PDB file of N, CA and C in Angstrom:
ATOM      1  N   MET A   1      -7.185  53.900 -28.131  1.00  0.00           N
ATOM      2  CA  MET A   1      -6.848  53.305 -26.853  1.00  0.00           C
ATOM      3  C   MET A   1      -5.456  53.762 -26.438  1.00  0.00           C
ATOM      4  N   SER A   2      -5.329  54.184 -25.229  1.00  0.00           N
ATOM      5  CA  SER A   2      -4.029  54.686 -24.772  1.00  0.00           C
ATOM      6  C   SER A   2      -3.244  53.575 -24.091  1.00  0.00           C
ATOM      7  N   ARG A   3      -1.960  53.745 -24.055  1.00  0.00           N
ATOM      8  CA  ARG A   3      -1.094  52.746 -23.431  1.00  0.00           C
ATOM      9  C   ARG A   3      -1.189  52.728 -21.915  1.00  0.00           C
ATOM     10  N   SER A   4      -1.657  53.745 -21.303  1.00  0.00           N
ATOM     11  CA  SER A   4      -1.698  53.819 -19.844  1.00  0.00           C
ATOM     12  C   SER A   4      -2.967  53.186 -19.260  1.00  0.00           C
ATOM     13  N   SER A   5      -3.875  52.704 -20.096  1.00  0.00           N
ATOM     14  CA  SER A   5      -5.118  52.121 -19.564  1.00  0.00           C
ATOM     15  C   SER A   5      -4.857  50.707 -19.043  1.00  0.00           C
ATOM     16  N   ASN A   6      -5.688  50.313 -18.071  1.00  0.00           N
ATOM     17  CA  ASN A   6      -5.577  48.964 -17.494  1.00  0.00           C
ATOM     18  C   ASN A   6      -6.160  47.932 -18.448  1.00  0.00           C
ATOM     19  N   CYS A   7      -5.773  46.667 -18.284  1.00  0.00           N
ATOM     20  CA  CYS A   7      -6.342  45.583 -19.072  1.00  0.00           C
ATOM     21  C   CYS A   7      -7.799  45.395 -18.679  1.00  0.00           C
ATOM     22  N   VAL A   8      -8.587  44.956 -19.599  1.00  0.00           N
ATOM     23  CA  VAL A   8     -10.012  44.787 -19.341  1.00  0.00           C
ATOM     24  C   VAL A   8     -10.232  43.604 -18.407  1.00  0.00           C
ATOM     25  N   GLY A   9     -11.012  43.793 -17.339  1.00  0.00           N
ATOM     26  CA  GLY A   9     -11.371  42.712 -16.426  1.00  0.00           C
ATOM     27  C   GLY A   9     -10.389  42.478 -15.297  1.00  0.00           C
ATOM     28  N   LEU A  10      -9.248  43.044 -15.299  1.00  0.00           N
ATOM     29  CA  LEU A  10      -8.273  42.839 -14.228  1.00  0.00           C
ATOM     30  C   LEU A  10      -8.257  44.053 -13.318  1.00  0.00           C
ATOM     31  N   SER A  11      -8.275  43.829 -12.052  1.00  0.00           N
ATOM     32  CA  SER A  11      -8.186  44.935 -11.103  1.00  0.00           C
ATOM     33  C   SER A  11      -6.926  44.768 -10.270  1.00  0.00           C
ATOM     34  N   ALA A  12      -6.424  45.836  -9.780  1.00  0.00           N
ATOM     35  CA  ALA A  12      -5.206  45.807  -8.973  1.00  0.00           C
ATOM     36  C   ALA A  12      -5.513  45.235  -7.599  1.00  0.00           C
ATOM     37  N   THR A  13      -4.606  44.406  -7.097  1.00  0.00           N
ATOM     38  CA  THR A  13      -4.760  43.829  -5.768  1.00  0.00           C
ATOM     39  C   THR A  13      -4.384  44.872  -4.733  1.00  0.00           C
ATOM     40  N   PRO A  14      -5.243  45.081  -3.728  1.00  0.00           N
ATOM     41  CA  PRO A  14      -4.884  46.070  -2.707  1.00  0.00           C
ATOM     42  C   PRO A  14      -3.684  45.619  -1.891  1.00  0.00           C
ATOM     43  N   LEU A  15      -2.885  46.549  -1.444  1.00  0.00           N
ATOM     44  CA  LEU A  15      -1.689  46.223  -0.661  1.00  0.00           C
ATOM     45  C   LEU A  15      -2.023  45.610   0.685  1.00  0.00           C
ATOM     46  N   SER A  16      -3.198  45.877   1.225  1.00  0.00           N
ATOM     47  CA  SER A  16      -3.560  45.294   2.528  1.00  0.00           C
ATOM     48  C   SER A  16      -3.695  43.771   2.449  1.00  0.00           C
ATOM     49  N   ALA A  17      -3.957  43.226   1.280  1.00  0.00           N
ATOM     50  CA  ALA A  17      -4.059  41.770   1.122  1.00  0.00           C
ATOM     51  C   ALA A  17      -2.700  41.109   1.333  1.00  0.00           C
ATOM     52  N   PHE A  18      -1.640  41.790   1.002  1.00  0.00           N
ATOM     53  CA  PHE A  18      -0.304  41.212   1.207  1.00  0.00           C
ATOM     54  C   PHE A  18       0.139  41.332   2.660  1.00  0.00           C
ATOM     55  N   ASN A  19      -0.330  42.348   3.377  1.00  0.00           N
ATOM     56  CA  ASN A  19       0.051  42.530   4.773  1.00  0.00           C
ATOM     57  C   ASN A  19      -0.718  41.606   5.713  1.00  0.00           C
ATOM     58  N   ASN A  20      -1.965  41.329   5.429  1.00  0.00           N
ATOM     59  CA  ASN A  20      -2.801  40.473   6.287  1.00  0.00           C
ATOM     60  C   ASN A  20      -3.359  39.303   5.479  1.00  0.00           C
ATOM     61  N   PRO A  21      -2.563  38.246   5.337  1.00  0.00           N
ATOM     62  CA  PRO A  21      -3.070  37.107   4.566  1.00  0.00           C
ATOM     63  C   PRO A  21      -4.165  36.367   5.333  1.00  0.00           C
ATOM     64  N   GLU A  22      -4.966  35.617   4.598  1.00  0.00           N
ATOM     65  CA  GLU A  22      -6.034  34.837   5.213  1.00  0.00           C
ATOM     66  C   GLU A  22      -5.424  33.729   6.065  1.00  0.00           C
ATOM     67  N   PRO A  23      -6.013  33.424   7.208  1.00  0.00           N
ATOM     68  CA  PRO A  23      -5.468  32.333   8.022  1.00  0.00           C
ATOM     69  C   PRO A  23      -5.614  30.984   7.311  1.00  0.00           C
ATOM     70  N   VAL A  24      -4.687  30.097   7.597  1.00  0.00           N
ATOM     71  CA  VAL A  24      -4.700  28.780   6.968  1.00  0.00           C
ATOM     72  C   VAL A  24      -5.816  27.957   7.588  1.00  0.00           C
ATOM     73  N   ARG A  25      -6.624  27.348   6.741  1.00  0.00           N
ATOM     74  CA  ARG A  25      -7.703  26.485   7.229  1.00  0.00           C
ATOM     75  C   ARG A  25      -7.217  25.051   7.225  1.00  0.00           C
ATOM     76  N   ARG A  26      -7.049  24.507   8.392  1.00  0.00           N
ATOM     77  CA  ARG A  26      -6.582  23.125   8.513  1.00  0.00           C
ATOM     78  C   ARG A  26      -7.779  22.205   8.680  1.00  0.00           C
ATOM     79  N   SER A  27      -7.686  21.045   8.053  1.00  0.00           N
ATOM     80  CA  SER A  27      -8.776  20.088   8.194  1.00  0.00           C
ATOM     81  C   SER A  27      -8.689  19.413   9.561  1.00  0.00           C
ATOM     82  N   ARG A  28      -9.839  19.035  10.074  1.00  0.00           N
ATOM     83  CA  ARG A  28      -9.916  18.413  11.388  1.00  0.00           C
ATOM     84  C   ARG A  28      -9.591  16.932  11.268  1.00  0.00           C
ATOM     85  N   ILE A  29      -8.732  16.427  12.139  1.00  0.00           N
ATOM     86  CA  ILE A  29      -8.389  15.009  12.134  1.00  0.00           C
ATOM     87  C   ILE A  29      -9.509  14.261  12.851  1.00  0.00           C
ATOM     88  N   PRO A  30     -10.079  13.246  12.218  1.00  0.00           N
ATOM     89  CA  PRO A  30     -11.190  12.533  12.862  1.00  0.00           C
ATOM     90  C   PRO A  30     -10.712  11.720  14.054  1.00  0.00           C
ATOM     91  N   ASP A  31     -11.598  11.525  15.008  1.00  0.00           N
ATOM     92  CA  ASP A  31     -11.280  10.697  16.169  1.00  0.00           C
ATOM     93  C   ASP A  31     -11.279   9.235  15.747  1.00  0.00           C
ATOM     94  N   LEU A  32     -10.199   8.551  16.049  1.00  0.00           N
ATOM     95  CA  LEU A  32     -10.094   7.141  15.699  1.00  0.00           C
ATOM     96  C   LEU A  32     -10.448   6.295  16.909  1.00  0.00           C
ATOM     97  N   PRO A  33     -11.208   5.222  16.700  1.00  0.00           N
ATOM     98  CA  PRO A  33     -11.532   4.364  17.839  1.00  0.00           C
ATOM     99  C   PRO A  33     -10.286   3.608  18.303  1.00  0.00           C
ATOM    100  N   LEU A  34     -10.104   3.513  19.583  1.00  0.00           N
ATOM    101  CA  LEU A  34      -8.962   2.804  20.140  1.00  0.00           C
ATOM    102  C   LEU A  34      -9.368   1.382  20.492  1.00  0.00           C
ATOM    103  N   ASP A  35      -8.590   0.418  20.029  1.00  0.00           N
ATOM    104  CA  ASP A  35      -8.860  -0.977  20.351  1.00  0.00           C
ATOM    105  C   ASP A  35      -8.226  -1.311  21.691  1.00  0.00           C
ATOM    106  N   THR A  36      -8.802  -2.260  22.371  1.00  0.00           N
ATOM    107  CA  THR A  36      -8.177  -2.728  23.612  1.00  0.00           C
ATOM    108  C   THR A  36      -6.957  -3.554  23.234  1.00  0.00           C
ATOM    109  N   SER A  37      -6.053  -3.721  24.164  1.00  0.00           N
ATOM    110  CA  SER A  37      -4.837  -4.469  23.856  1.00  0.00           C
ATOM    111  C   SER A  37      -5.154  -5.944  23.597  1.00  0.00           C
ATOM    112  N   LEU A  38      -6.196  -6.463  24.233  1.00  0.00           N
ATOM    113  CA  LEU A  38      -6.566  -7.861  24.003  1.00  0.00           C
ATOM    114  C   LEU A  38      -7.068  -8.051  22.569  1.00  0.00           C
ATOM    115  N   LEU A  39      -7.866  -7.133  22.080  1.00  0.00           N
ATOM    116  CA  LEU A  39      -8.344  -7.212  20.701  1.00  0.00           C
ATOM    117  C   LEU A  39      -7.179  -7.063  19.730  1.00  0.00           C
ATOM    118  N   PHE A  40      -6.256  -6.159  20.027  1.00  0.00           N
ATOM    119  CA  PHE A  40      -5.086  -5.988  19.166  1.00  0.00           C
ATOM    120  C   PHE A  40      -4.258  -7.263  19.109  1.00  0.00           C
ATOM    121  N   GLU A  41      -4.037  -7.886  20.263  1.00  0.00           N
ATOM    122  CA  GLU A  41      -3.262  -9.130  20.308  1.00  0.00           C
ATOM    123  C   GLU A  41      -3.957 -10.231  19.513  1.00  0.00           C
ATOM    124  N   PHE A  42      -5.269 -10.308  19.613  1.00  0.00           N
ATOM    125  CA  PHE A  42      -6.018 -11.329  18.879  1.00  0.00           C
ATOM    126  C   PHE A  42      -5.918 -11.091  17.374  1.00  0.00           C
ATOM    127  N   LEU A  43      -6.071  -9.843  16.935  1.00  0.00           N
ATOM    128  CA  LEU A  43      -5.977  -9.548  15.510  1.00  0.00           C
ATOM    129  C   LEU A  43      -4.564  -9.798  14.973  1.00  0.00           C
ATOM    130  N   LEU A  44      -3.564  -9.461  15.772  1.00  0.00           N
ATOM    131  CA  LEU A  44      -2.185  -9.725  15.359  1.00  0.00           C
ATOM    132  C   LEU A  44      -1.941 -11.229  15.246  1.00  0.00           C
ATOM    133  N   PHE A  45      -2.443 -11.993  16.211  1.00  0.00           N
ATOM    134  CA  PHE A  45      -2.293 -13.449  16.175  1.00  0.00           C
ATOM    135  C   PHE A  45      -2.986 -14.031  14.946  1.00  0.00           C
ATOM    136  N   LEU A  46      -4.179 -13.557  14.650  1.00  0.00           N
ATOM    137  CA  LEU A  46      -4.922 -14.037  13.488  1.00  0.00           C
ATOM    138  C   LEU A  46      -4.171 -13.708  12.193  1.00  0.00           C
ATOM    139  N   TYR A  47      -3.634 -12.498  12.115  1.00  0.00           N
ATOM    140  CA  TYR A  47      -2.863 -12.094  10.935  1.00  0.00           C
ATOM    141  C   TYR A  47      -1.627 -12.992  10.766  1.00  0.00           C
ATOM    142  N   LEU A  48      -0.910 -13.247  11.852  1.00  0.00           N
ATOM    143  CA  LEU A  48       0.293 -14.083  11.767  1.00  0.00           C
ATOM    144  C   LEU A  48      -0.055 -15.526  11.429  1.00  0.00           C
ATOM    145  N   LEU A  49      -1.188 -15.998  11.911  1.00  0.00           N
ATOM    146  CA  LEU A  49      -1.634 -17.348  11.597  1.00  0.00           C
ATOM    147  C   LEU A  49      -1.927 -17.490  10.101  1.00  0.00           C
ATOM    148  N   VAL A  50      -2.571 -16.502   9.524  1.00  0.00           N
ATOM    149  CA  VAL A  50      -2.855 -16.529   8.090  1.00  0.00           C
ATOM    150  C   VAL A  50      -1.545 -16.463   7.298  1.00  0.00           C
ATOM    151  N   ALA A  51      -0.621 -15.617   7.714  1.00  0.00           N
ATOM    152  CA  ALA A  51       0.668 -15.511   7.016  1.00  0.00           C
ATOM    153  C   ALA A  51       1.432 -16.830   7.087  1.00  0.00           C
ATOM    154  N   LEU A  52       1.406 -17.486   8.244  1.00  0.00           N
ATOM    155  CA  LEU A  52       2.078 -18.774   8.404  1.00  0.00           C
ATOM    156  C   LEU A  52       1.448 -19.825   7.502  1.00  0.00           C
ATOM    157  N   PHE A  53       0.127 -19.839   7.425  1.00  0.00           N
ATOM    158  CA  PHE A  53      -0.572 -20.806   6.583  1.00  0.00           C
ATOM    159  C   PHE A  53      -0.235 -20.596   5.103  1.00  0.00           C
ATOM    160  N   VAL A  54      -0.188 -19.347   4.667  1.00  0.00           N
ATOM    161  CA  VAL A  54       0.133 -19.058   3.261  1.00  0.00           C
ATOM    162  C   VAL A  54       1.559 -19.493   2.940  1.00  0.00           C
ATOM    163  N   GLN A  55       2.489 -19.251   3.849  1.00  0.00           N
ATOM    164  CA  GLN A  55       3.870 -19.688   3.620  1.00  0.00           C
ATOM    165  C   GLN A  55       3.964 -21.206   3.592  1.00  0.00           C
ATOM    166  N   TYR A  56       3.208 -21.881   4.466  1.00  0.00           N
ATOM    167  CA  TYR A  56       3.211 -23.343   4.493  1.00  0.00           C
ATOM    168  C   TYR A  56       2.697 -23.895   3.168  1.00  0.00           C
ATOM    169  N   ILE A  57       1.615 -23.311   2.653  1.00  0.00           N
ATOM    170  CA  ILE A  57       1.069 -23.769   1.372  1.00  0.00           C
ATOM    171  C   ILE A  57       2.091 -23.559   0.254  1.00  0.00           C
ATOM    172  N   ASN A  58       2.778 -22.439   0.260  1.00  0.00           N
ATOM    173  CA  ASN A  58       3.772 -22.162  -0.775  1.00  0.00           C
ATOM    174  C   ASN A  58       4.937 -23.147  -0.695  1.00  0.00           C
ATOM    175  N   VAL A  59       5.457 -23.399   0.493  1.00  0.00           N
ATOM    176  CA  VAL A  59       6.575 -24.335   0.651  1.00  0.00           C
ATOM    177  C   VAL A  59       6.122 -25.745   0.296  1.00  0.00           C
ATOM    178  N   HIS A  60       4.936 -26.130   0.741  1.00  0.00           N
ATOM    179  CA  HIS A  60       4.426 -27.471   0.451  1.00  0.00           C
ATOM    180  C   HIS A  60       4.285 -27.674  -1.058  1.00  0.00           C
ATOM    181  N   ARG A  61       3.759 -26.685  -1.746  1.00  0.00           N
ATOM    182  CA  ARG A  61       3.586 -26.781  -3.199  1.00  0.00           C
ATOM    183  C   ARG A  61       4.948 -26.889  -3.895  1.00  0.00           C
ATOM    184  N   THR A  62       5.924 -26.107  -3.437  1.00  0.00           N
ATOM    185  CA  THR A  62       7.246 -26.124  -4.057  1.00  0.00           C
ATOM    186  C   THR A  62       7.929 -27.468  -3.844  1.00  0.00           C
ATOM    187  N   VAL A  63       7.904 -27.981  -2.616  1.00  0.00           N
ATOM    188  CA  VAL A  63       8.563 -29.250  -2.309  1.00  0.00           C
ATOM    189  C   VAL A  63       7.858 -30.387  -3.035  1.00  0.00           C
ATOM    190  N   TRP A  64       6.529 -30.355  -3.065  1.00  0.00           N
ATOM    191  CA  TRP A  64       5.777 -31.411  -3.724  1.00  0.00           C
ATOM    192  C   TRP A  64       6.087 -31.433  -5.216  1.00  0.00           C
ATOM    193  N   CYS A  65       6.154 -30.269  -5.816  1.00  0.00           N
ATOM    194  CA  CYS A  65       6.436 -30.174  -7.250  1.00  0.00           C
ATOM    195  C   CYS A  65       7.851 -30.658  -7.547  1.00  0.00           C
ATOM    196  N   CYS A  66       8.810 -30.247  -6.733  1.00  0.00           N
ATOM    197  CA  CYS A  66      10.206 -30.648  -6.957  1.00  0.00           C
ATOM    198  C   CYS A  66      10.396 -32.141  -6.715  1.00  0.00           C
ATOM    199  N   SER A  67       9.735 -32.682  -5.693  1.00  0.00           N
ATOM    200  CA  SER A  67       9.905 -34.104  -5.401  1.00  0.00           C
ATOM    201  C   SER A  67       9.282 -34.946  -6.518  1.00  0.00           C
ATOM    202  N   ARG A  68       8.161 -34.531  -7.059  1.00  0.00           N
ATOM    203  CA  ARG A  68       7.535 -35.269  -8.161  1.00  0.00           C
ATOM    204  C   ARG A  68       8.430 -35.213  -9.394  1.00  0.00           C
ATOM    205  N   ARG A  69       9.063 -34.084  -9.612  1.00  0.00           N
ATOM    206  CA  ARG A  69       9.946 -33.968 -10.770  1.00  0.00           C
ATOM    207  C   ARG A  69      11.172 -34.864 -10.596  1.00  0.00           C
ATOM    208  N   ALA A  70      11.701 -34.920  -9.363  1.00  0.00           N
ATOM    209  CA  ALA A  70      12.864 -35.774  -9.107  1.00  0.00           C
ATOM    210  C   ALA A  70      12.507 -37.243  -9.328  1.00  0.00           C
ATOM    211  N   VAL A  71      11.319 -37.647  -8.879  1.00  0.00           N
ATOM    212  CA  VAL A  71      10.889 -39.039  -9.083  1.00  0.00           C
ATOM    213  C   VAL A  71      10.729 -39.309 -10.570  1.00  0.00           C
ATOM    214  N   TRP A  72      10.154 -38.376 -11.304  1.00  0.00           N
ATOM    215  CA  TRP A  72       9.972 -38.553 -12.745  1.00  0.00           C
ATOM    216  C   TRP A  72      11.322 -38.679 -13.445  1.00  0.00           C
ATOM    217  N   MET A  73      12.298 -37.869 -13.022  1.00  0.00           N
ATOM    218  CA  MET A  73      13.620 -37.921 -13.658  1.00  0.00           C
ATOM    219  C   MET A  73      14.306 -39.248 -13.366  1.00  0.00           C
ATOM    220  N   GLN A  74      14.147 -39.766 -12.137  1.00  0.00           N
ATOM    221  CA  GLN A  74      14.757 -41.054 -11.805  1.00  0.00           C
ATOM    222  C   GLN A  74      14.147 -42.165 -12.661  1.00  0.00           C
ATOM    223  N   ARG A  75      12.844 -42.153 -12.802  1.00  0.00           N
ATOM    224  CA  ARG A  75      12.184 -43.181 -13.627  1.00  0.00           C
ATOM    225  C   ARG A  75      12.607 -43.046 -15.081  1.00  0.00           C
ATOM    226  N   HIS A  76      12.712 -41.814 -15.553  1.00  0.00           N
ATOM    227  CA  HIS A  76      13.101 -41.579 -16.930  1.00  0.00           C
ATOM    228  C   HIS A  76      14.534 -42.052 -17.190  1.00  0.00           C
ATOM    229  N   GLN A  77      15.436 -41.855 -16.258  1.00  0.00           N
ATOM    230  CA  GLN A  77      16.820 -42.287 -16.397  1.00  0.00           C
ATOM    231  C   GLN A  77      16.895 -43.813 -16.386  1.00  0.00           C
ATOM    232  N   ARG A  78      16.071 -44.468 -15.555  1.00  0.00           N
ATOM    233  CA  ARG A  78      16.076 -45.940 -15.509  1.00  0.00           C
ATOM    234  C   ARG A  78      15.641 -46.535 -16.841  1.00  0.00           C
ATOM    235  N   THR A  79      14.618 -45.910 -17.444  1.00  0.00           N
ATOM    236  CA  THR A  79      14.140 -46.453 -18.734  1.00  0.00           C
ATOM    237  C   THR A  79      15.156 -46.211 -19.836  1.00  0.00           C
ATOM    238  N   GLU A  80      15.944 -45.171 -19.765  1.00  0.00           N
ATOM    239  CA  GLU A  80      16.969 -44.924 -20.782  1.00  0.00           C
ATOM    240  C   GLU A  80      18.117 -45.898 -20.650  1.00  0.00           C
ATOM    241  N   ASN A  81      18.455 -46.301 -19.422  1.00  0.00           N
ATOM    242  CA  ASN A  81      19.582 -47.202 -19.180  1.00  0.00           C
ATOM    243  C   ASN A  81      19.245 -48.637 -19.619  1.00  0.00           C
ATOM    244  N   ARG A  82      18.003 -48.989 -19.741  1.00  0.00           N
ATOM    245  CA  ARG A  82      17.637 -50.363 -20.103  1.00  0.00           C
ATOM    246  C   ARG A  82      17.825 -50.631 -21.544  1.00  0.00           C
TER     247      ARG A  82
END
């Protein structure tokens, strides 16, 4: 085997491939349905209503838990003082 032979299975890339590259294939952006402004306003209102309700439940749970603990501590302190 001589040193000047090409590697098996590899072929030289023609120079024309570097001068004229393949065009870039861009994917097509799908058409999105447009909502009416009234539907958008309704969905936004519904979303904000749910967010408000979740925050109310969280605050209510926190205050209820803290107030029950405060009442328990007051009762516990009264029984210790007796």
